[in-house]
Amino acid sequence: MIYVSHLLKDEEMKEIIAQTGMGVESIEFSVAENLDKPGRTLETYRKRLEFMGCRELILHGPFLDLFPYGMGRADGRFL
């Protein structure tokens, strides 16, 4: 299976999937704010995948805003 990264609007992804039969590589779950409400994110994304006609899904692993030491210092200043 070949997957296309979900970096386009859902309407454009729907067209690509219809034309090629590709699966979707989602970055939706690589964004920390989307993980704050996992139930809502799953429900919303499931509906979007259905709209796009997606039958195959993989998830992008790295997190976009994961910083092992944080962005700031203990005194409140940024690095």
PDB file of N, CA and C in Angstrom:
ATOM      1  N   MET A   1       0.846  -1.183   0.000  1.00  0.00           N
ATOM      2  CA  MET A   1       0.000   0.000   0.000  1.00  0.00           C
ATOM      3  C   MET A   1       0.887   1.240   0.000  1.00  0.00           C
ATOM      4  N   ILE A   2       0.500   2.209  -0.771  1.00  0.00           N
ATOM      5  CA  ILE A   2       1.166   3.506  -0.806  1.00  0.00           C
ATOM      6  C   ILE A   2       0.273   4.498  -0.082  1.00  0.00           C
ATOM      7  N   TYR A   3       0.889   5.362   0.736  1.00  0.00           N
ATOM      8  CA  TYR A   3       0.149   6.333   1.531  1.00  0.00           C
ATOM      9  C   TYR A   3       0.542   7.750   1.132  1.00  0.00           C
ATOM     10  N   VAL A   4      -0.426   8.652   1.177  1.00  0.00           N
ATOM     11  CA  VAL A   4      -0.180  10.066   0.908  1.00  0.00           C
ATOM     12  C   VAL A   4      -0.339  10.815   2.231  1.00  0.00           C
ATOM     13  N   SER A   5       0.603  11.716   2.509  1.00  0.00           N
ATOM     14  CA  SER A   5       0.555  12.466   3.749  1.00  0.00           C
ATOM     15  C   SER A   5      -0.601  13.462   3.712  1.00  0.00           C
ATOM     16  N   HIS A   6      -1.352  13.515   4.788  1.00  0.00           N
ATOM     17  CA  HIS A   6      -2.550  14.351   4.874  1.00  0.00           C
ATOM     18  C   HIS A   6      -2.164  15.801   5.164  1.00  0.00           C
ATOM     19  N   LEU A   7      -1.567  16.448   4.177  1.00  0.00           N
ATOM     20  CA  LEU A   7      -1.167  17.840   4.289  1.00  0.00           C
ATOM     21  C   LEU A   7      -2.038  18.745   3.433  1.00  0.00           C
ATOM     22  N   LEU A   8      -3.000  18.152   2.751  1.00  0.00           N
ATOM     23  CA  LEU A   8      -3.915  18.889   1.880  1.00  0.00           C
ATOM     24  C   LEU A   8      -5.294  18.971   2.522  1.00  0.00           C
ATOM     25  N   LYS A   9      -6.148  19.804   1.959  1.00  0.00           N
ATOM     26  CA  LYS A   9      -7.533  19.882   2.431  1.00  0.00           C
ATOM     27  C   LYS A   9      -8.223  18.544   2.195  1.00  0.00           C
ATOM     28  N   ASP A  10      -9.208  18.252   3.019  1.00  0.00           N
ATOM     29  CA  ASP A  10      -9.919  16.972   2.919  1.00  0.00           C
ATOM     30  C   ASP A  10     -10.509  16.753   1.532  1.00  0.00           C
ATOM     31  N   GLU A  11     -11.010  17.802   0.908  1.00  0.00           N
ATOM     32  CA  GLU A  11     -11.603  17.684  -0.421  1.00  0.00           C
ATOM     33  C   GLU A  11     -10.558  17.232  -1.447  1.00  0.00           C
ATOM     34  N   GLU A  12      -9.350  17.788  -1.334  1.00  0.00           N
ATOM     35  CA  GLU A  12      -8.264  17.404  -2.250  1.00  0.00           C
ATOM     36  C   GLU A  12      -7.811  15.969  -1.975  1.00  0.00           C
ATOM     37  N   MET A  13      -7.774  15.609  -0.705  1.00  0.00           N
ATOM     38  CA  MET A  13      -7.401  14.233  -0.348  1.00  0.00           C
ATOM     39  C   MET A  13      -8.429  13.249  -0.886  1.00  0.00           C
ATOM     40  N   LYS A  14      -9.693  13.601  -0.802  1.00  0.00           N
ATOM     41  CA  LYS A  14     -10.763  12.736  -1.311  1.00  0.00           C
ATOM     42  C   LYS A  14     -10.548  12.456  -2.792  1.00  0.00           C
ATOM     43  N   GLU A  15     -10.211  13.486  -3.541  1.00  0.00           N
ATOM     44  CA  GLU A  15      -9.981  13.326  -4.976  1.00  0.00           C
ATOM     45  C   GLU A  15      -8.768  12.431  -5.251  1.00  0.00           C
ATOM     46  N   ILE A  16      -7.689  12.638  -4.513  1.00  0.00           N
ATOM     47  CA  ILE A  16      -6.481  11.825  -4.696  1.00  0.00           C
ATOM     48  C   ILE A  16      -6.762  10.362  -4.369  1.00  0.00           C
ATOM     49  N   ILE A  17      -7.461  10.128  -3.258  1.00  0.00           N
ATOM     50  CA  ILE A  17      -7.783   8.755  -2.855  1.00  0.00           C
ATOM     51  C   ILE A  17      -8.681   8.085  -3.887  1.00  0.00           C
ATOM     52  N   ALA A  18      -9.662   8.819  -4.399  1.00  0.00           N
ATOM     53  CA  ALA A  18     -10.567   8.263  -5.415  1.00  0.00           C
ATOM     54  C   ALA A  18      -9.810   7.904  -6.685  1.00  0.00           C
ATOM     55  N   GLN A  19      -8.842   8.731  -7.062  1.00  0.00           N
ATOM     56  CA  GLN A  19      -8.093   8.503  -8.303  1.00  0.00           C
ATOM     57  C   GLN A  19      -7.029   7.429  -8.170  1.00  0.00           C
ATOM     58  N   THR A  20      -6.447   7.288  -6.967  1.00  0.00           N
ATOM     59  CA  THR A  20      -5.281   6.409  -6.820  1.00  0.00           C
ATOM     60  C   THR A  20      -5.493   5.204  -5.922  1.00  0.00           C
ATOM     61  N   GLY A  21      -6.485   5.277  -5.032  1.00  0.00           N
ATOM     62  CA  GLY A  21      -6.688   4.209  -4.065  1.00  0.00           C
ATOM     63  C   GLY A  21      -5.662   4.214  -2.937  1.00  0.00           C
ATOM     64  N   MET A  22      -4.886   5.298  -2.820  1.00  0.00           N
ATOM     65  CA  MET A  22      -3.876   5.386  -1.765  1.00  0.00           C
ATOM     66  C   MET A  22      -4.511   5.446  -0.391  1.00  0.00           C
ATOM     67  N   GLY A  23      -3.720   5.093   0.609  1.00  0.00           N
ATOM     68  CA  GLY A  23      -4.103   5.267   1.996  1.00  0.00           C
ATOM     69  C   GLY A  23      -3.656   6.639   2.471  1.00  0.00           C
ATOM     70  N   VAL A  24      -3.933   6.940   3.730  1.00  0.00           N
ATOM     71  CA  VAL A  24      -3.603   8.236   4.303  1.00  0.00           C
ATOM     72  C   VAL A  24      -2.577   8.069   5.416  1.00  0.00           C
ATOM     73  N   GLU A  25      -1.551   8.920   5.393  1.00  0.00           N
ATOM     74  CA  GLU A  25      -0.624   9.036   6.515  1.00  0.00           C
ATOM     75  C   GLU A  25      -1.041  10.290   7.266  1.00  0.00           C
ATOM     76  N   SER A  26      -1.512  10.115   8.481  1.00  0.00           N
ATOM     77  CA  SER A  26      -2.050  11.238   9.251  1.00  0.00           C
ATOM     78  C   SER A  26      -1.008  11.830  10.189  1.00  0.00           C
ATOM     79  N   ILE A  27      -0.965  13.174  10.208  1.00  0.00           N
ATOM     80  CA  ILE A  27      -0.153  13.875  11.200  1.00  0.00           C
ATOM     81  C   ILE A  27      -1.046  14.432  12.306  1.00  0.00           C
ATOM     82  N   GLU A  28      -2.343  14.159  12.214  1.00  0.00           N
ATOM     83  CA  GLU A  28      -3.327  14.691  13.162  1.00  0.00           C
ATOM     84  C   GLU A  28      -2.980  14.366  14.609  1.00  0.00           C
ATOM     85  N   PHE A  29      -2.398  13.203  14.835  1.00  0.00           N
ATOM     86  CA  PHE A  29      -2.106  12.750  16.187  1.00  0.00           C
ATOM     87  C   PHE A  29      -0.651  13.016  16.565  1.00  0.00           C
ATOM     88  N   SER A  30       0.006  13.862  15.783  1.00  0.00           N
ATOM     89  CA  SER A  30       1.366  14.301  16.082  1.00  0.00           C
ATOM     90  C   SER A  30       1.363  15.721  16.621  1.00  0.00           C
ATOM     91  N   VAL A  31       0.201  16.287  16.788  1.00  0.00           N
ATOM     92  CA  VAL A  31       0.050  17.650  17.280  1.00  0.00           C
ATOM     93  C   VAL A  31      -0.476  17.566  18.719  1.00  0.00           C
ATOM     94  N   ALA A  32       0.296  18.091  19.648  1.00  0.00           N
ATOM     95  CA  ALA A  32      -0.032  17.938  21.077  1.00  0.00           C
ATOM     96  C   ALA A  32      -1.436  18.418  21.422  1.00  0.00           C
ATOM     97  N   GLU A  33      -1.868  19.553  20.875  1.00  0.00           N
ATOM     98  CA  GLU A  33      -3.197  20.063  21.248  1.00  0.00           C
ATOM     99  C   GLU A  33      -4.317  19.118  20.814  1.00  0.00           C
ATOM    100  N   ASN A  34      -4.094  18.332  19.760  1.00  0.00           N
ATOM    101  CA  ASN A  34      -5.095  17.344  19.338  1.00  0.00           C
ATOM    102  C   ASN A  34      -5.161  16.168  20.301  1.00  0.00           C
ATOM    103  N   LEU A  35      -4.086  15.959  21.059  1.00  0.00           N
ATOM    104  CA  LEU A  35      -4.059  14.855  22.016  1.00  0.00           C
ATOM    105  C   LEU A  35      -4.647  15.251  23.367  1.00  0.00           C
ATOM    106  N   ASP A  36      -4.904  16.551  23.557  1.00  0.00           N
ATOM    107  CA  ASP A  36      -5.504  16.997  24.808  1.00  0.00           C
ATOM    108  C   ASP A  36      -6.933  16.491  24.966  1.00  0.00           C
ATOM    109  N   LYS A  37      -7.625  16.288  23.841  1.00  0.00           N
ATOM    110  CA  LYS A  37      -9.002  15.767  23.853  1.00  0.00           C
ATOM    111  C   LYS A  37      -9.064  14.585  22.897  1.00  0.00           C
ATOM    112  N   PRO A  38      -8.470  13.455  23.279  1.00  0.00           N
ATOM    113  CA  PRO A  38      -8.341  12.332  22.341  1.00  0.00           C
ATOM    114  C   PRO A  38      -9.672  11.796  21.811  1.00  0.00           C
ATOM    115  N   GLY A  39     -10.704  11.754  22.658  1.00  0.00           N
ATOM    116  CA  GLY A  39     -12.001  11.247  22.202  1.00  0.00           C
ATOM    117  C   GLY A  39     -12.584  12.098  21.089  1.00  0.00           C
ATOM    118  N   ARG A  40     -12.530  13.405  21.287  1.00  0.00           N
ATOM    119  CA  ARG A  40     -13.057  14.330  20.273  1.00  0.00           C
ATOM    120  C   ARG A  40     -12.223  14.272  19.002  1.00  0.00           C
ATOM    121  N   THR A  41     -10.909  14.220  19.147  1.00  0.00           N
ATOM    122  CA  THR A  41     -10.028  14.151  17.981  1.00  0.00           C
ATOM    123  C   THR A  41     -10.299  12.881  17.183  1.00  0.00           C
ATOM    124  N   LEU A  42     -10.437  11.759  17.865  1.00  0.00           N
ATOM    125  CA  LEU A  42     -10.725  10.492  17.168  1.00  0.00           C
ATOM    126  C   LEU A  42     -12.062  10.546  16.444  1.00  0.00           C
ATOM    127  N   GLU A  43     -13.078  11.051  17.122  1.00  0.00           N
ATOM    128  CA  GLU A  43     -14.420  11.130  16.530  1.00  0.00           C
ATOM    129  C   GLU A  43     -14.408  12.022  15.277  1.00  0.00           C
ATOM    130  N   THR A  44     -13.806  13.178  15.396  1.00  0.00           N
ATOM    131  CA  THR A  44     -13.745  14.125  14.281  1.00  0.00           C
ATOM    132  C   THR A  44     -12.945  13.549  13.118  1.00  0.00           C
ATOM    133  N   TYR A  45     -11.790  12.963  13.424  1.00  0.00           N
ATOM    134  CA  TYR A  45     -10.938  12.450  12.347  1.00  0.00           C
ATOM    135  C   TYR A  45     -11.566  11.235  11.670  1.00  0.00           C
ATOM    136  N   ARG A  46     -12.259  10.416  12.429  1.00  0.00           N
ATOM    137  CA  ARG A  46     -12.950   9.258  11.840  1.00  0.00           C
ATOM    138  C   ARG A  46     -13.962   9.715  10.791  1.00  0.00           C
ATOM    139  N   LYS A  47     -14.692  10.778  11.100  1.00  0.00           N
ATOM    140  CA  LYS A  47     -15.669  11.326  10.144  1.00  0.00           C
ATOM    141  C   LYS A  47     -14.962  11.889   8.907  1.00  0.00           C
ATOM    142  N   ARG A  48     -13.838  12.544   9.117  1.00  0.00           N
ATOM    143  CA  ARG A  48     -13.086  13.094   7.988  1.00  0.00           C
ATOM    144  C   ARG A  48     -12.560  11.982   7.085  1.00  0.00           C
ATOM    145  N   LEU A  49     -12.057  10.892   7.676  1.00  0.00           N
ATOM    146  CA  LEU A  49     -11.570   9.761   6.878  1.00  0.00           C
ATOM    147  C   LEU A  49     -12.706   9.137   6.070  1.00  0.00           C
ATOM    148  N   GLU A  50     -13.860   9.026   6.690  1.00  0.00           N
ATOM    149  CA  GLU A  50     -15.033   8.486   5.996  1.00  0.00           C
ATOM    150  C   GLU A  50     -15.391   9.369   4.800  1.00  0.00           C
ATOM    151  N   PHE A  51     -15.394  10.685   5.008  1.00  0.00           N
ATOM    152  CA  PHE A  51     -15.676  11.631   3.926  1.00  0.00           C
ATOM    153  C   PHE A  51     -14.683  11.462   2.775  1.00  0.00           C
ATOM    154  N   MET A  52     -13.411  11.244   3.124  1.00  0.00           N
ATOM    155  CA  MET A  52     -12.369  11.111   2.090  1.00  0.00           C
ATOM    156  C   MET A  52     -12.396   9.760   1.388  1.00  0.00           C
ATOM    157  N   GLY A  53     -13.125   8.816   1.954  1.00  0.00           N
ATOM    158  CA  GLY A  53     -13.152   7.482   1.369  1.00  0.00           C
ATOM    159  C   GLY A  53     -11.906   6.681   1.686  1.00  0.00           C
ATOM    160  N   CYS A  54     -11.268   6.999   2.787  1.00  0.00           N
ATOM    161  CA  CYS A  54     -10.023   6.333   3.190  1.00  0.00           C
ATOM    162  C   CYS A  54     -10.307   4.962   3.781  1.00  0.00           C
ATOM    163  N   ARG A  55      -9.603   3.955   3.270  1.00  0.00           N
ATOM    164  CA  ARG A  55      -9.735   2.601   3.804  1.00  0.00           C
ATOM    165  C   ARG A  55      -8.475   2.137   4.513  1.00  0.00           C
ATOM    166  N   GLU A  56      -7.353   2.815   4.286  1.00  0.00           N
ATOM    167  CA  GLU A  56      -6.074   2.449   4.901  1.00  0.00           C
ATOM    168  C   GLU A  56      -5.476   3.676   5.574  1.00  0.00           C
ATOM    169  N   LEU A  57      -4.996   3.517   6.810  1.00  0.00           N
ATOM    170  CA  LEU A  57      -4.469   4.641   7.574  1.00  0.00           C
ATOM    171  C   LEU A  57      -3.201   4.228   8.306  1.00  0.00           C
ATOM    172  N   ILE A  58      -2.200   5.109   8.269  1.00  0.00           N
ATOM    173  CA  ILE A  58      -1.035   4.979   9.136  1.00  0.00           C
ATOM    174  C   ILE A  58      -0.847   6.320   9.839  1.00  0.00           C
ATOM    175  N   LEU A  59      -0.176   6.287  10.987  1.00  0.00           N
ATOM    176  CA  LEU A  59       0.022   7.511  11.755  1.00  0.00           C
ATOM    177  C   LEU A  59       1.475   7.944  11.698  1.00  0.00           C
ATOM    178  N   HIS A  60       1.678   9.233  11.540  1.00  0.00           N
ATOM    179  CA  HIS A  60       3.013   9.822  11.548  1.00  0.00           C
ATOM    180  C   HIS A  60       3.506   9.809  12.987  1.00  0.00           C
ATOM    181  N   GLY A  61       4.674   9.275  13.232  1.00  0.00           N
ATOM    182  CA  GLY A  61       5.167   9.070  14.587  1.00  0.00           C
ATOM    183  C   GLY A  61       5.677  10.279  15.337  1.00  0.00           C
ATOM    184  N   PRO A  62       6.595  11.063  14.788  1.00  0.00           N
ATOM    185  CA  PRO A  62       7.186  12.145  15.583  1.00  0.00           C
ATOM    186  C   PRO A  62       6.168  13.217  15.963  1.00  0.00           C
ATOM    187  N   PHE A  63       6.339  13.759  17.137  1.00  0.00           N
ATOM    188  CA  PHE A  63       5.492  14.857  17.570  1.00  0.00           C
ATOM    189  C   PHE A  63       6.082  16.166  17.067  1.00  0.00           C
ATOM    190  N   LEU A  64       5.223  17.089  16.656  1.00  0.00           N
ATOM    191  CA  LEU A  64       5.670  18.353  16.097  1.00  0.00           C
ATOM    192  C   LEU A  64       6.268  19.284  17.136  1.00  0.00           C
ATOM    193  N   ASP A  65       5.793  19.208  18.366  1.00  0.00           N
ATOM    194  CA  ASP A  65       6.250  20.167  19.367  1.00  0.00           C
ATOM    195  C   ASP A  65       6.730  19.478  20.643  1.00  0.00           C
ATOM    196  N   LEU A  66       7.489  18.414  20.473  1.00  0.00           N
ATOM    197  CA  LEU A  66       8.049  17.701  21.606  1.00  0.00           C
ATOM    198  C   LEU A  66       9.464  18.210  21.847  1.00  0.00           C
ATOM    199  N   PHE A  67       9.669  18.803  23.002  1.00  0.00           N
ATOM    200  CA  PHE A  67      10.981  19.338  23.361  1.00  0.00           C
ATOM    201  C   PHE A  67      11.404  18.698  24.677  1.00  0.00           C
ATOM    202  N   PRO A  68      12.409  17.834  24.664  1.00  0.00           N
ATOM    203  CA  PRO A  68      12.790  17.103  25.878  1.00  0.00           C
ATOM    204  C   PRO A  68      13.086  17.999  27.079  1.00  0.00           C
ATOM    205  N   TYR A  69      13.632  19.185  26.852  1.00  0.00           N
ATOM    206  CA  TYR A  69      13.981  20.060  27.958  1.00  0.00           C
ATOM    207  C   TYR A  69      13.055  21.259  28.058  1.00  0.00           C
ATOM    208  N   GLY A  70      12.038  21.303  27.262  1.00  0.00           N
ATOM    209  CA  GLY A  70      11.107  22.419  27.276  1.00  0.00           C
ATOM    210  C   GLY A  70      11.684  23.622  26.538  1.00  0.00           C
ATOM    211  N   MET A  71      10.839  24.588  26.313  1.00  0.00           N
ATOM    212  CA  MET A  71      11.257  25.787  25.575  1.00  0.00           C
ATOM    213  C   MET A  71      11.724  26.893  26.511  1.00  0.00           C
ATOM    214  N   GLY A  72      11.449  26.776  27.781  1.00  0.00           N
ATOM    215  CA  GLY A  72      11.809  27.843  28.692  1.00  0.00           C
ATOM    216  C   GLY A  72      12.684  27.342  29.822  1.00  0.00           C
ATOM    217  N   ARG A  73      13.102  28.281  30.622  1.00  0.00           N
ATOM    218  CA  ARG A  73      13.918  27.949  31.778  1.00  0.00           C
ATOM    219  C   ARG A  73      13.071  28.060  33.031  1.00  0.00           C
ATOM    220  N   ALA A  74      13.595  27.576  34.144  1.00  0.00           N
ATOM    221  CA  ALA A  74      12.867  27.605  35.405  1.00  0.00           C
ATOM    222  C   ALA A  74      12.534  29.030  35.853  1.00  0.00           C
ATOM    223  N   ASP A  75      13.350  30.001  35.429  1.00  0.00           N
ATOM    224  CA  ASP A  75      13.092  31.383  35.829  1.00  0.00           C
ATOM    225  C   ASP A  75      12.099  32.090  34.918  1.00  0.00           C
ATOM    226  N   GLY A  76      11.509  31.351  33.943  1.00  0.00           N
ATOM    227  CA  GLY A  76      10.488  31.896  33.073  1.00  0.00           C
ATOM    228  C   GLY A  76      11.015  32.507  31.791  1.00  0.00           C
ATOM    229  N   ARG A  77      12.329  32.591  31.632  1.00  0.00           N
ATOM    230  CA  ARG A  77      12.890  33.143  30.396  1.00  0.00           C
ATOM    231  C   ARG A  77      13.024  32.025  29.367  1.00  0.00           C
ATOM    232  N   PHE A  78      12.941  32.405  28.102  1.00  0.00           N
ATOM    233  CA  PHE A  78      13.126  31.429  27.037  1.00  0.00           C
ATOM    234  C   PHE A  78      14.600  31.200  26.782  1.00  0.00           C
ATOM    235  N   LEU A  79      14.903  30.031  26.289  1.00  0.00           N
ATOM    236  CA  LEU A  79      16.302  29.694  25.974  1.00  0.00           C
ATOM    237  C   LEU A  79      16.809  30.504  24.807  1.00  0.00           C
TER     238      LEU A  79
END
